[in-house]
Protein backbone atom coordinates (compact mmCIF):
# COMPACT_ATOMS: atom_id res chain seq x y z
CA UNK A 1 6.44 -36.90 1.58
CA UNK A 2 8.50 -34.31 0.15
CA UNK A 3 9.93 -32.14 3.42
CA UNK A 4 9.98 -29.07 0.82
CA UNK A 5 6.24 -28.60 0.26
CA UNK A 6 5.09 -25.23 1.27
CA UNK A 7 1.99 -24.70 2.72
CA UNK A 8 -0.15 -21.64 3.11
CA UNK A 9 -3.18 -20.37 4.70
CA UNK A 10 -5.99 -19.10 1.78
CA UNK A 11 -8.97 -17.62 3.24
CA UNK A 12 -11.91 -18.07 0.91
CA UNK A 13 -15.58 -16.46 2.26
CA UNK A 14 -15.57 -17.57 6.43
CA UNK A 15 -13.32 -20.42 5.67
CA UNK A 16 -9.08 -20.54 5.76
CA UNK A 17 -7.87 -23.66 3.66
CA UNK A 18 -4.09 -24.89 4.83
CA UNK A 19 -2.81 -25.58 0.91
CA UNK A 20 -0.06 -25.52 -1.57
CA UNK A 21 -0.33 -23.10 -4.82
CA UNK A 22 0.97 -24.13 -7.86
CA UNK A 23 4.08 -22.14 -9.49
CA UNK A 24 2.05 -20.52 -12.16
CA UNK A 25 -0.69 -18.66 -9.36
CA UNK A 26 2.11 -17.92 -7.10
CA UNK A 27 3.67 -15.66 -9.39
CA UNK A 28 0.65 -14.41 -11.26
CA UNK A 29 0.70 -10.83 -11.77
CA UNK A 30 -1.52 -8.97 -9.27
CA UNK A 31 -5.38 -7.67 -10.64
CA UNK A 32 -5.07 -3.31 -10.76
CA UNK A 33 -8.34 -1.99 -12.03
CA UNK A 34 -8.48 -0.44 -14.89
CA UNK A 35 -6.58 3.68 -14.88
CA UNK A 36 -9.63 5.80 -16.80
CA UNK A 37 -6.74 7.91 -18.06
CA UNK A 38 -4.59 5.55 -19.79
CA UNK A 39 -5.98 4.46 -23.05
CA UNK A 40 -4.72 0.97 -23.84
CA UNK A 41 -4.71 -0.93 -27.22
CA UNK A 42 -7.16 -4.04 -27.48
CA UNK A 43 -5.30 -5.81 -29.97
CA UNK A 44 -1.94 -5.98 -31.35
CA UNK A 45 -1.96 -3.49 -34.68
CA UNK A 46 0.20 -1.00 -36.54
CA UNK A 47 -0.65 2.85 -35.80
CA UNK A 48 -1.78 4.15 -39.40
CA UNK A 49 -2.73 7.93 -37.62
CA UNK A 50 -2.76 9.98 -34.82
CA UNK A 51 -5.13 12.58 -34.53
CA UNK A 52 -4.15 14.34 -31.00
CA UNK A 53 -0.89 15.89 -29.61
CA UNK A 54 0.42 16.20 -26.19
CA UNK A 55 -2.13 18.91 -24.79
CA UNK A 56 -4.99 18.70 -26.83
CA UNK A 57 -8.03 19.01 -25.11
CA UNK A 58 -10.25 16.20 -26.08
CA UNK A 59 -14.35 15.79 -25.83
CA UNK A 60 -15.87 12.16 -25.18
CA UNK A 61 -15.76 10.70 -28.56
CA UNK A 62 -13.19 12.96 -30.17
CA UNK A 63 -11.12 10.91 -33.03
CA UNK A 64 -7.58 10.16 -31.19
CA UNK A 65 -5.88 7.14 -33.44
CA UNK A 66 -6.80 4.57 -36.15
CA UNK A 67 -5.14 0.93 -35.59
CA UNK A 68 -4.63 -1.11 -37.77
CA UNK A 69 -5.29 -4.78 -37.15
CA UNK A 70 -6.17 -7.71 -38.98
CA UNK A 71 -6.41 -5.48 -42.09
CA UNK A 72 -9.58 -3.91 -40.57
CA UNK A 73 -9.20 0.07 -39.05
CA UNK A 74 -9.98 0.87 -35.33
CA UNK A 75 -10.58 4.19 -34.69
CA UNK A 76 -9.59 4.64 -31.53
CA UNK A 77 -12.00 7.84 -29.59
CA UNK A 78 -11.77 9.55 -26.17
CA UNK A 79 -13.77 7.87 -23.46
CA UNK A 80 -13.61 10.88 -21.73
CA UNK A 81 -13.85 14.17 -21.62
CA UNK A 82 -9.74 15.73 -20.67
CA UNK A 83 -6.88 16.99 -21.93
CA UNK A 84 -3.80 14.59 -23.65
CA UNK A 85 -1.21 14.17 -21.44
CA UNK A 86 0.96 12.14 -23.25
CA UNK A 87 0.71 10.08 -26.76
CA UNK A 88 2.95 7.36 -26.68
CA UNK A 89 2.86 6.06 -30.46
CA UNK A 90 3.67 7.46 -33.41
CA UNK A 91 2.52 6.66 -37.32
CA UNK A 92 3.52 3.69 -38.17
CA UNK A 93 4.77 1.83 -34.97
CA UNK A 94 3.34 -1.36 -34.64
CA UNK A 95 2.36 -2.33 -30.59
CA UNK A 96 1.44 -5.16 -28.80
CA UNK A 97 -1.94 -6.53 -26.88
CA UNK A 98 -2.32 -3.50 -23.84
CA UNK A 99 0.43 -1.67 -25.03
CA UNK A 100 0.12 1.85 -23.42
CA UNK A 101 -0.94 4.56 -26.59
CA UNK A 102 -2.23 7.83 -25.06
CA UNK A 103 -2.53 9.03 -21.56
CA UNK A 104 -5.40 11.85 -20.29
CA UNK A 105 -5.52 13.85 -17.23
């Protein structure tokens, strides 16, 4: 048996198991709850148009930007009322999935 095996106590419900972890599991990113103030790209694409600037007041449903992905134009709208704290993208920019686009306050 390998003497370098690292066992951990893994609590699950009301039982604690003594086990090992795979590298993939041990190196995973921790879950972070979504921040309602930040708008992220849900798919990789290109920013076709930005409808707001820093400091603009927006209402729920107002246009924020257009993200083109897979030959489709996706209108990104405000999901709540607020003020645009910062716009992190500009027209023509290519963004990956989960890229921060706009932050509201």
